[in-house]
Amino acid sequence: MDSTLQKLISLGLDLDAVGLIQREDDEGYFCTPVGAEILGWAGVDGIHYCQIPGLGDTVFVVDPRDGDDPVHPIARNITDMLRLLLVCGDMAAPAQAHAFPDKQSFGEFLTQCRPDNETREILDRIGRAFDIKPMPLPYKYVKELQASFDLGAVPYTDEYYEVTG
């Protein structure tokens, strides 16, 4: 397990509140890339976050509902993922960034999903523990990462190809 993730878990925070649920059972789905190390779960629709062996420190979202296109990079590393979390308030916005057509709709989503005071305190504690600041221009960051990444490098299981044809 990545040391940054270990440190995050060791803080004892309610990561469920920010959409990064930790589970004992980390068995993926048909579309989870081969050898993926699962970092956490959104808690809905099988969405989860992972790193993939051979693809560096990049953090990916896996969304089984996205059919032929279920995996998207969302951060260059776990620290950047946490910086996105600080600005977005929840993992939902980075996870769905690929589907937003523009910065304005992404911003509207963030406005609708503002964290409550309890969640804000969790985010503040994460920021202090890692001495990090919120990611500036989160939509631009994620979209540029996604545009520069070759999704053909993602190794899928035979089951993925059986399901998607």
N, C-alpha and C. Protein backbone atom coordinates (compact mmCIF):
# COMPACT_ATOMS: atom_id res chain seq x y z
N MET A 1 0.85 -1.18 0.00
CA MET A 1 0.00 0.00 0.00
C MET A 1 0.90 1.25 0.00
N ASP A 2 0.53 2.23 -0.75
CA ASP A 2 1.25 3.48 -0.84
C ASP A 2 1.34 4.14 0.53
N SER A 3 2.51 4.71 0.85
CA SER A 3 2.71 5.31 2.18
C SER A 3 1.81 6.53 2.41
N THR A 4 1.50 7.27 1.37
CA THR A 4 0.59 8.42 1.52
C THR A 4 -0.80 7.92 1.90
N LEU A 5 -1.25 6.87 1.24
CA LEU A 5 -2.56 6.30 1.58
C LEU A 5 -2.54 5.73 2.99
N GLN A 6 -1.46 5.06 3.36
CA GLN A 6 -1.34 4.52 4.72
C GLN A 6 -1.46 5.63 5.75
N LYS A 7 -0.77 6.73 5.49
CA LYS A 7 -0.82 7.87 6.42
C LYS A 7 -2.24 8.42 6.50
N LEU A 8 -2.91 8.54 5.36
CA LEU A 8 -4.28 9.04 5.34
C LEU A 8 -5.18 8.15 6.19
N ILE A 9 -5.08 6.86 6.01
CA ILE A 9 -5.92 5.92 6.76
C ILE A 9 -5.58 5.98 8.25
N SER A 10 -4.30 6.13 8.56
CA SER A 10 -3.88 6.16 9.97
C SER A 10 -4.40 7.39 10.72
N LEU A 11 -4.84 8.41 10.00
CA LEU A 11 -5.39 9.60 10.66
C LEU A 11 -6.71 9.29 11.37
N GLY A 12 -7.36 8.19 10.99
CA GLY A 12 -8.61 7.79 11.64
C GLY A 12 -9.79 8.68 11.30
N LEU A 13 -9.74 9.34 10.16
CA LEU A 13 -10.83 10.22 9.74
C LEU A 13 -11.96 9.44 9.09
N ASP A 14 -13.13 10.03 9.06
CA ASP A 14 -14.27 9.42 8.38
C ASP A 14 -14.14 9.68 6.88
N LEU A 15 -13.40 8.82 6.19
CA LEU A 15 -13.18 9.00 4.76
C LEU A 15 -14.44 8.71 3.95
N ASP A 16 -15.41 8.03 4.56
CA ASP A 16 -16.70 7.82 3.89
C ASP A 16 -17.33 9.16 3.54
N ALA A 17 -17.16 10.15 4.41
CA ALA A 17 -17.78 11.46 4.24
C ALA A 17 -17.25 12.20 3.02
N VAL A 18 -16.07 11.81 2.54
CA VAL A 18 -15.48 12.49 1.38
C VAL A 18 -15.43 11.57 0.16
N GLY A 19 -16.15 10.45 0.23
CA GLY A 19 -16.25 9.56 -0.92
C GLY A 19 -15.02 8.73 -1.18
N LEU A 20 -14.30 8.37 -0.12
CA LEU A 20 -13.11 7.54 -0.26
C LEU A 20 -13.19 6.41 0.78
N ILE A 21 -14.25 5.63 0.65
CA ILE A 21 -14.56 4.58 1.61
C ILE A 21 -13.50 3.49 1.57
N GLN A 22 -13.08 3.07 2.76
CA GLN A 22 -12.14 1.95 2.88
C GLN A 22 -12.94 0.70 3.21
N ARG A 23 -12.64 -0.38 2.49
CA ARG A 23 -13.36 -1.65 2.70
C ARG A 23 -12.37 -2.77 2.92
N GLU A 24 -12.80 -3.74 3.67
CA GLU A 24 -12.01 -4.97 3.85
C GLU A 24 -11.98 -5.75 2.54
N ASP A 25 -13.14 -5.82 1.90
CA ASP A 25 -13.27 -6.55 0.64
C ASP A 25 -12.98 -5.58 -0.50
N ASP A 26 -11.80 -5.68 -1.06
CA ASP A 26 -11.43 -4.79 -2.16
C ASP A 26 -11.45 -5.51 -3.50
N GLU A 27 -12.36 -6.45 -3.64
CA GLU A 27 -12.47 -7.14 -4.92
C GLU A 27 -13.12 -6.21 -5.92
N GLY A 28 -12.47 -6.05 -7.06
CA GLY A 28 -12.95 -5.14 -8.08
C GLY A 28 -14.09 -5.70 -8.90
N TYR A 29 -14.34 -5.02 -10.00
CA TYR A 29 -15.40 -5.39 -10.93
C TYR A 29 -14.80 -5.90 -12.22
N PHE A 30 -15.64 -6.28 -13.16
CA PHE A 30 -15.18 -6.79 -14.45
C PHE A 30 -14.27 -5.79 -15.16
N CYS A 31 -14.44 -4.51 -14.86
CA CYS A 31 -13.68 -3.47 -15.55
C CYS A 31 -12.52 -2.93 -14.73
N THR A 32 -12.28 -3.50 -13.56
CA THR A 32 -11.12 -3.09 -12.78
C THR A 32 -9.87 -3.58 -13.50
N PRO A 33 -8.93 -2.68 -13.78
CA PRO A 33 -7.73 -3.09 -14.52
C PRO A 33 -6.94 -4.20 -13.81
N VAL A 34 -6.22 -4.96 -14.59
CA VAL A 34 -5.40 -6.06 -14.08
C VAL A 34 -4.41 -5.53 -13.05
N GLY A 35 -4.38 -6.17 -11.88
CA GLY A 35 -3.43 -5.84 -10.84
C GLY A 35 -3.67 -4.54 -10.10
N ALA A 36 -4.81 -3.90 -10.33
CA ALA A 36 -5.08 -2.59 -9.72
C ALA A 36 -5.03 -2.66 -8.20
N GLU A 37 -4.40 -1.65 -7.60
CA GLU A 37 -4.42 -1.50 -6.15
C GLU A 37 -5.54 -0.51 -5.84
N ILE A 38 -6.58 -1.01 -5.20
CA ILE A 38 -7.75 -0.17 -4.91
C ILE A 38 -7.44 0.74 -3.73
N LEU A 39 -7.68 2.03 -3.93
CA LEU A 39 -7.40 3.05 -2.92
C LEU A 39 -8.62 3.38 -2.09
N GLY A 40 -9.80 3.21 -2.66
CA GLY A 40 -11.03 3.53 -1.95
C GLY A 40 -12.22 3.41 -2.88
N TRP A 41 -13.39 3.55 -2.28
CA TRP A 41 -14.66 3.35 -2.98
C TRP A 41 -15.55 4.57 -2.81
N ALA A 42 -16.30 4.88 -3.84
CA ALA A 42 -17.24 6.01 -3.77
C ALA A 42 -18.46 5.66 -2.91
N GLY A 43 -18.82 4.39 -2.90
CA GLY A 43 -20.00 3.98 -2.13
C GLY A 43 -21.25 3.84 -2.97
N VAL A 44 -21.15 4.14 -4.26
CA VAL A 44 -22.29 3.99 -5.16
C VAL A 44 -21.83 3.39 -6.49
N ASP A 45 -22.66 2.58 -7.06
CA ASP A 45 -22.51 2.07 -8.42
C ASP A 45 -21.18 1.36 -8.70
N GLY A 46 -20.49 0.90 -7.67
CA GLY A 46 -19.23 0.18 -7.86
C GLY A 46 -18.05 1.07 -8.21
N ILE A 47 -18.22 2.37 -8.14
CA ILE A 47 -17.14 3.31 -8.48
C ILE A 47 -16.03 3.17 -7.45
N HIS A 48 -14.79 3.06 -7.96
CA HIS A 48 -13.64 2.97 -7.07
C HIS A 48 -12.43 3.64 -7.69
N TYR A 49 -11.43 3.85 -6.85
CA TYR A 49 -10.21 4.56 -7.24
C TYR A 49 -9.05 3.59 -7.09
N CYS A 50 -8.09 3.70 -8.01
CA CYS A 50 -6.99 2.74 -7.97
C CYS A 50 -5.73 3.31 -8.61
N GLN A 51 -4.65 2.58 -8.39
CA GLN A 51 -3.42 2.77 -9.13
C GLN A 51 -3.18 1.46 -9.86
N ILE A 52 -2.54 1.55 -11.03
CA ILE A 52 -2.37 0.39 -11.90
C ILE A 52 -0.88 0.12 -12.09
N PRO A 53 -0.45 -1.10 -11.78
CA PRO A 53 0.97 -1.43 -11.97
C PRO A 53 1.41 -1.13 -13.41
N GLY A 54 2.59 -0.53 -13.52
CA GLY A 54 3.13 -0.22 -14.83
C GLY A 54 2.72 1.13 -15.36
N LEU A 55 1.79 1.81 -14.66
CA LEU A 55 1.32 3.12 -15.13
C LEU A 55 1.70 4.23 -14.14
N GLY A 56 2.78 4.01 -13.42
CA GLY A 56 3.30 5.03 -12.51
C GLY A 56 2.41 5.25 -11.31
N ASP A 57 2.44 6.48 -10.81
CA ASP A 57 1.70 6.84 -9.61
C ASP A 57 0.30 7.37 -9.91
N THR A 58 -0.09 7.36 -11.17
CA THR A 58 -1.38 7.92 -11.57
C THR A 58 -2.53 7.25 -10.83
N VAL A 59 -3.48 8.07 -10.41
CA VAL A 59 -4.70 7.58 -9.75
C VAL A 59 -5.82 7.60 -10.79
N PHE A 60 -6.57 6.51 -10.83
CA PHE A 60 -7.66 6.34 -11.78
C PHE A 60 -8.98 6.17 -11.05
N VAL A 61 -10.06 6.58 -11.71
CA VAL A 61 -11.40 6.24 -11.27
C VAL A 61 -11.87 5.11 -12.18
N VAL A 62 -12.54 4.14 -11.58
CA VAL A 62 -13.15 3.04 -12.33
C VAL A 62 -14.65 3.13 -12.08
N ASP A 63 -15.41 3.30 -13.18
CA ASP A 63 -16.86 3.42 -13.07
C ASP A 63 -17.50 2.35 -13.95
N PRO A 64 -17.97 1.25 -13.33
CA PRO A 64 -18.56 0.15 -14.11
C PRO A 64 -19.74 0.58 -14.99
N ARG A 65 -20.36 1.70 -14.72
CA ARG A 65 -21.51 2.16 -15.51
C ARG A 65 -21.08 2.78 -16.84
N ASP A 66 -19.79 3.08 -16.99
CA ASP A 66 -19.33 3.78 -18.18
C ASP A 66 -19.05 2.86 -19.36
N GLY A 67 -19.56 1.65 -19.33
CA GLY A 67 -19.50 0.74 -20.47
C GLY A 67 -18.12 0.52 -21.04
N ASP A 68 -17.91 0.93 -22.29
CA ASP A 68 -16.64 0.70 -22.98
C ASP A 68 -15.53 1.63 -22.51
N ASP A 69 -15.85 2.60 -21.67
CA ASP A 69 -14.88 3.62 -21.26
C ASP A 69 -14.92 3.80 -19.74
N PRO A 70 -14.66 2.71 -18.96
CA PRO A 70 -14.88 2.78 -17.51
C PRO A 70 -13.73 3.34 -16.67
N VAL A 71 -12.55 3.54 -17.27
CA VAL A 71 -11.39 3.96 -16.49
C VAL A 71 -10.87 5.30 -16.99
N HIS A 72 -10.65 6.22 -16.04
CA HIS A 72 -10.14 7.55 -16.39
C HIS A 72 -9.10 7.99 -15.36
N PRO A 73 -8.00 8.57 -15.81
CA PRO A 73 -7.05 9.12 -14.84
C PRO A 73 -7.65 10.38 -14.21
N ILE A 74 -7.41 10.54 -12.90
CA ILE A 74 -7.92 11.74 -12.23
C ILE A 74 -6.83 12.52 -11.50
N ALA A 75 -5.67 11.90 -11.26
CA ALA A 75 -4.59 12.61 -10.57
C ALA A 75 -3.26 11.95 -10.91
N ARG A 76 -2.21 12.75 -10.93
CA ARG A 76 -0.88 12.23 -11.24
C ARG A 76 -0.32 11.36 -10.12
N ASN A 77 -0.85 11.55 -8.89
CA ASN A 77 -0.40 10.78 -7.73
C ASN A 77 -1.41 10.97 -6.60
N ILE A 78 -1.21 10.28 -5.51
CA ILE A 78 -2.17 10.35 -4.41
C ILE A 78 -2.19 11.73 -3.77
N THR A 79 -1.05 12.39 -3.67
CA THR A 79 -1.03 13.74 -3.10
C THR A 79 -1.88 14.69 -3.94
N ASP A 80 -1.76 14.61 -5.26
CA ASP A 80 -2.61 15.45 -6.10
C ASP A 80 -4.08 15.07 -5.95
N MET A 81 -4.38 13.79 -5.77
CA MET A 81 -5.76 13.37 -5.53
C MET A 81 -6.28 14.05 -4.27
N LEU A 82 -5.46 14.10 -3.23
CA LEU A 82 -5.88 14.74 -1.99
C LEU A 82 -6.06 16.25 -2.19
N ARG A 83 -5.22 16.86 -2.99
CA ARG A 83 -5.37 18.29 -3.28
C ARG A 83 -6.68 18.55 -4.04
N LEU A 84 -7.03 17.64 -4.95
CA LEU A 84 -8.32 17.75 -5.63
C LEU A 84 -9.47 17.59 -4.64
N LEU A 85 -9.31 16.64 -3.74
CA LEU A 85 -10.32 16.41 -2.72
C LEU A 85 -10.54 17.66 -1.89
N LEU A 86 -9.46 18.34 -1.52
CA LEU A 86 -9.58 19.56 -0.71
C LEU A 86 -10.39 20.64 -1.40
N VAL A 87 -10.20 20.80 -2.70
CA VAL A 87 -10.92 21.85 -3.41
C VAL A 87 -12.33 21.42 -3.80
N CYS A 88 -12.51 20.15 -4.08
CA CYS A 88 -13.83 19.67 -4.53
C CYS A 88 -14.74 19.27 -3.38
N GLY A 89 -14.17 18.91 -2.23
CA GLY A 89 -14.97 18.56 -1.06
C GLY A 89 -15.40 17.12 -1.01
N ASP A 90 -15.22 16.40 -2.11
CA ASP A 90 -15.65 15.01 -2.21
C ASP A 90 -14.99 14.45 -3.47
N MET A 91 -14.85 13.16 -3.55
CA MET A 91 -14.23 12.53 -4.71
C MET A 91 -15.16 12.49 -5.92
N ALA A 92 -16.43 12.82 -5.74
CA ALA A 92 -17.39 12.72 -6.84
C ALA A 92 -17.03 13.62 -8.02
N ALA A 93 -16.60 14.83 -7.75
CA ALA A 93 -16.31 15.76 -8.86
C ALA A 93 -15.11 15.29 -9.69
N PRO A 94 -13.96 14.94 -9.07
CA PRO A 94 -12.87 14.41 -9.90
C PRO A 94 -13.27 13.14 -10.65
N ALA A 95 -14.07 12.30 -10.00
CA ALA A 95 -14.49 11.04 -10.63
C ALA A 95 -15.35 11.29 -11.86
N GLN A 96 -16.11 12.36 -11.86
CA GLN A 96 -17.01 12.63 -12.97
C GLN A 96 -16.50 13.71 -13.92
N ALA A 97 -15.31 14.22 -13.69
CA ALA A 97 -14.79 15.33 -14.50
C ALA A 97 -14.79 15.03 -15.99
N HIS A 98 -14.53 13.77 -16.35
CA HIS A 98 -14.49 13.42 -17.78
C HIS A 98 -15.84 13.65 -18.46
N ALA A 99 -16.91 13.64 -17.70
CA ALA A 99 -18.25 13.76 -18.28
C ALA A 99 -18.75 15.20 -18.36
N PHE A 100 -18.08 16.12 -17.67
CA PHE A 100 -18.52 17.52 -17.71
C PHE A 100 -18.01 18.15 -19.00
N PRO A 101 -18.90 18.82 -19.74
CA PRO A 101 -18.48 19.39 -21.03
C PRO A 101 -17.62 20.65 -20.91
N ASP A 102 -17.71 21.32 -19.75
CA ASP A 102 -16.94 22.56 -19.61
C ASP A 102 -16.74 22.90 -18.14
N LYS A 103 -15.88 23.89 -17.92
CA LYS A 103 -15.53 24.32 -16.57
C LYS A 103 -16.75 24.84 -15.82
N GLN A 104 -17.66 25.49 -16.52
CA GLN A 104 -18.84 26.06 -15.87
C GLN A 104 -19.72 24.96 -15.27
N SER A 105 -19.99 23.91 -16.01
CA SER A 105 -20.84 22.84 -15.47
C SER A 105 -20.14 22.12 -14.32
N PHE A 106 -18.82 21.98 -14.40
CA PHE A 106 -18.05 21.40 -13.30
C PHE A 106 -18.19 22.29 -12.07
N GLY A 107 -18.05 23.59 -12.25
CA GLY A 107 -18.19 24.54 -11.14
C GLY A 107 -19.57 24.52 -10.52
N GLU A 108 -20.59 24.39 -11.36
CA GLU A 108 -21.97 24.31 -10.85
C GLU A 108 -22.14 23.05 -9.99
N PHE A 109 -21.53 21.95 -10.42
CA PHE A 109 -21.59 20.71 -9.64
C PHE A 109 -20.94 20.93 -8.27
N LEU A 110 -19.78 21.58 -8.25
CA LEU A 110 -19.10 21.85 -6.99
C LEU A 110 -19.96 22.72 -6.08
N THR A 111 -20.64 23.70 -6.65
CA THR A 111 -21.50 24.58 -5.87
C THR A 111 -22.66 23.80 -5.24
N GLN A 112 -23.24 22.89 -6.00
CA GLN A 112 -24.36 22.09 -5.50
C GLN A 112 -23.93 21.09 -4.43
N CYS A 113 -22.67 20.73 -4.43
CA CYS A 113 -22.18 19.67 -3.53
C CYS A 113 -21.21 20.19 -2.48
N ARG A 114 -21.42 21.39 -2.03
CA ARG A 114 -20.53 21.96 -1.01
C ARG A 114 -20.53 21.08 0.24
N PRO A 115 -19.35 20.87 0.81
CA PRO A 115 -19.30 20.05 2.02
C PRO A 115 -19.89 20.77 3.23
N ASP A 116 -20.47 19.98 4.12
CA ASP A 116 -20.99 20.55 5.37
C ASP A 116 -19.81 20.83 6.31
N ASN A 117 -20.10 21.40 7.47
CA ASN A 117 -19.04 21.78 8.41
C ASN A 117 -18.22 20.58 8.89
N GLU A 118 -18.88 19.47 9.14
CA GLU A 118 -18.19 18.27 9.61
C GLU A 118 -17.22 17.76 8.53
N THR A 119 -17.68 17.73 7.30
CA THR A 119 -16.82 17.30 6.20
C THR A 119 -15.70 18.30 5.97
N ARG A 120 -16.01 19.56 6.08
CA ARG A 120 -14.98 20.61 5.92
C ARG A 120 -13.86 20.40 6.94
N GLU A 121 -14.22 20.02 8.18
CA GLU A 121 -13.20 19.77 9.21
C GLU A 121 -12.31 18.58 8.82
N ILE A 122 -12.91 17.55 8.26
CA ILE A 122 -12.12 16.40 7.78
C ILE A 122 -11.14 16.86 6.71
N LEU A 123 -11.62 17.65 5.78
CA LEU A 123 -10.76 18.16 4.70
C LEU A 123 -9.64 19.03 5.25
N ASP A 124 -9.96 19.86 6.21
CA ASP A 124 -8.94 20.71 6.83
C ASP A 124 -7.87 19.86 7.52
N ARG A 125 -8.30 18.81 8.19
CA ARG A 125 -7.32 17.93 8.87
C ARG A 125 -6.43 17.22 7.86
N ILE A 126 -6.98 16.83 6.73
CA ILE A 126 -6.16 16.21 5.68
C ILE A 126 -5.13 17.22 5.17
N GLY A 127 -5.58 18.43 4.91
CA GLY A 127 -4.67 19.47 4.44
C GLY A 127 -3.53 19.72 5.41
N ARG A 128 -3.85 19.79 6.70
CA ARG A 128 -2.81 20.03 7.72
C ARG A 128 -1.88 18.83 7.85
N ALA A 129 -2.43 17.62 7.84
CA ALA A 129 -1.62 16.42 8.03
C ALA A 129 -0.58 16.24 6.92
N PHE A 130 -0.95 16.64 5.70
CA PHE A 130 -0.05 16.46 4.56
C PHE A 130 0.62 17.77 4.14
N ASP A 131 0.30 18.85 4.83
CA ASP A 131 0.83 20.17 4.51
C ASP A 131 0.61 20.48 3.03
N ILE A 132 -0.65 20.34 2.60
CA ILE A 132 -1.01 20.58 1.20
C ILE A 132 -2.11 21.62 1.12
N LYS A 133 -2.20 22.24 -0.03
CA LYS A 133 -3.23 23.24 -0.32
C LYS A 133 -4.16 22.69 -1.40
N PRO A 134 -5.38 23.22 -1.49
CA PRO A 134 -6.30 22.78 -2.54
C PRO A 134 -5.68 22.98 -3.93
N MET A 135 -6.00 22.09 -4.84
CA MET A 135 -5.51 22.15 -6.22
C MET A 135 -6.12 23.36 -6.92
N PRO A 136 -5.28 24.26 -7.44
CA PRO A 136 -5.87 25.35 -8.22
C PRO A 136 -6.37 24.80 -9.56
N LEU A 137 -7.43 25.36 -10.06
CA LEU A 137 -7.99 24.99 -11.37
C LEU A 137 -8.19 23.47 -11.52
N PRO A 138 -9.00 22.88 -10.66
CA PRO A 138 -9.14 21.42 -10.66
C PRO A 138 -9.66 20.85 -11.98
N TYR A 139 -10.61 21.52 -12.60
CA TYR A 139 -11.17 21.02 -13.86
C TYR A 139 -10.09 20.98 -14.93
N LYS A 140 -9.33 22.05 -15.04
CA LYS A 140 -8.25 22.13 -16.02
C LYS A 140 -7.20 21.04 -15.76
N TYR A 141 -6.85 20.88 -14.50
CA TYR A 141 -5.86 19.86 -14.13
C TYR A 141 -6.30 18.47 -14.60
N VAL A 142 -7.52 18.08 -14.24
CA VAL A 142 -8.00 16.73 -14.58
C VAL A 142 -8.15 16.57 -16.09
N LYS A 143 -8.72 17.57 -16.75
CA LYS A 143 -8.92 17.46 -18.20
C LYS A 143 -7.58 17.38 -18.95
N GLU A 144 -6.59 18.15 -18.52
CA GLU A 144 -5.28 18.07 -19.17
C GLU A 144 -4.64 16.71 -18.95
N LEU A 145 -4.75 16.19 -17.74
CA LEU A 145 -4.22 14.85 -17.46
C LEU A 145 -4.91 13.82 -18.35
N GLN A 146 -6.22 13.89 -18.43
CA GLN A 146 -6.96 12.92 -19.23
C GLN A 146 -6.63 13.03 -20.71
N ALA A 147 -6.45 14.25 -21.20
CA ALA A 147 -6.12 14.44 -22.62
C ALA A 147 -4.73 13.92 -22.96
N SER A 148 -3.84 13.91 -21.99
CA SER A 148 -2.46 13.48 -22.25
C SER A 148 -2.24 11.99 -22.01
N PHE A 149 -3.25 11.31 -21.50
CA PHE A 149 -3.07 9.91 -21.12
C PHE A 149 -3.60 8.97 -22.20
N ASP A 150 -2.83 7.96 -22.53
CA ASP A 150 -3.23 6.95 -23.51
C ASP A 150 -4.02 5.85 -22.80
N LEU A 151 -5.34 5.90 -22.93
CA LEU A 151 -6.18 4.89 -22.26
C LEU A 151 -5.96 3.49 -22.81
N GLY A 152 -5.32 3.39 -23.97
CA GLY A 152 -4.98 2.08 -24.51
C GLY A 152 -3.95 1.34 -23.67
N ALA A 153 -3.29 2.05 -22.76
CA ALA A 153 -2.30 1.43 -21.88
C ALA A 153 -2.93 0.71 -20.69
N VAL A 154 -4.22 0.91 -20.47
CA VAL A 154 -4.89 0.29 -19.33
C VAL A 154 -5.08 -1.20 -19.61
N PRO A 155 -4.53 -2.06 -18.74
CA PRO A 155 -4.66 -3.51 -18.96
C PRO A 155 -5.96 -4.05 -18.36
N TYR A 156 -6.83 -4.53 -19.21
CA TYR A 156 -8.10 -5.08 -18.75
C TYR A 156 -8.05 -6.61 -18.71
N THR A 157 -8.95 -7.17 -17.92
CA THR A 157 -9.06 -8.62 -17.82
C THR A 157 -9.82 -9.17 -19.02
N ASP A 158 -9.71 -10.46 -19.22
CA ASP A 158 -10.49 -11.12 -20.28
C ASP A 158 -11.99 -10.90 -20.03
N GLU A 159 -12.39 -10.88 -18.76
CA GLU A 159 -13.81 -10.69 -18.43
C GLU A 159 -14.31 -9.35 -18.97
N TYR A 160 -13.49 -8.32 -18.88
CA TYR A 160 -13.88 -7.00 -19.40
C TYR A 160 -14.24 -7.12 -20.88
N TYR A 161 -13.38 -7.78 -21.65
CA TYR A 161 -13.62 -7.90 -23.09
C TYR A 161 -14.82 -8.80 -23.39
N GLU A 162 -15.06 -9.78 -22.53
CA GLU A 162 -16.25 -10.62 -22.71
C GLU A 162 -17.53 -9.82 -22.48
N VAL A 163 -17.51 -8.97 -21.45
CA VAL A 163 -18.69 -8.17 -21.11
C VAL A 163 -18.94 -7.06 -22.14
N THR A 164 -17.86 -6.41 -22.58
CA THR A 164 -18.03 -5.26 -23.48
C THR A 164 -18.03 -5.66 -24.95
N GLY A 165 -17.62 -6.89 -25.24
CA GLY A 165 -17.63 -7.36 -26.63
C GLY A 165 -16.45 -6.85 -27.37
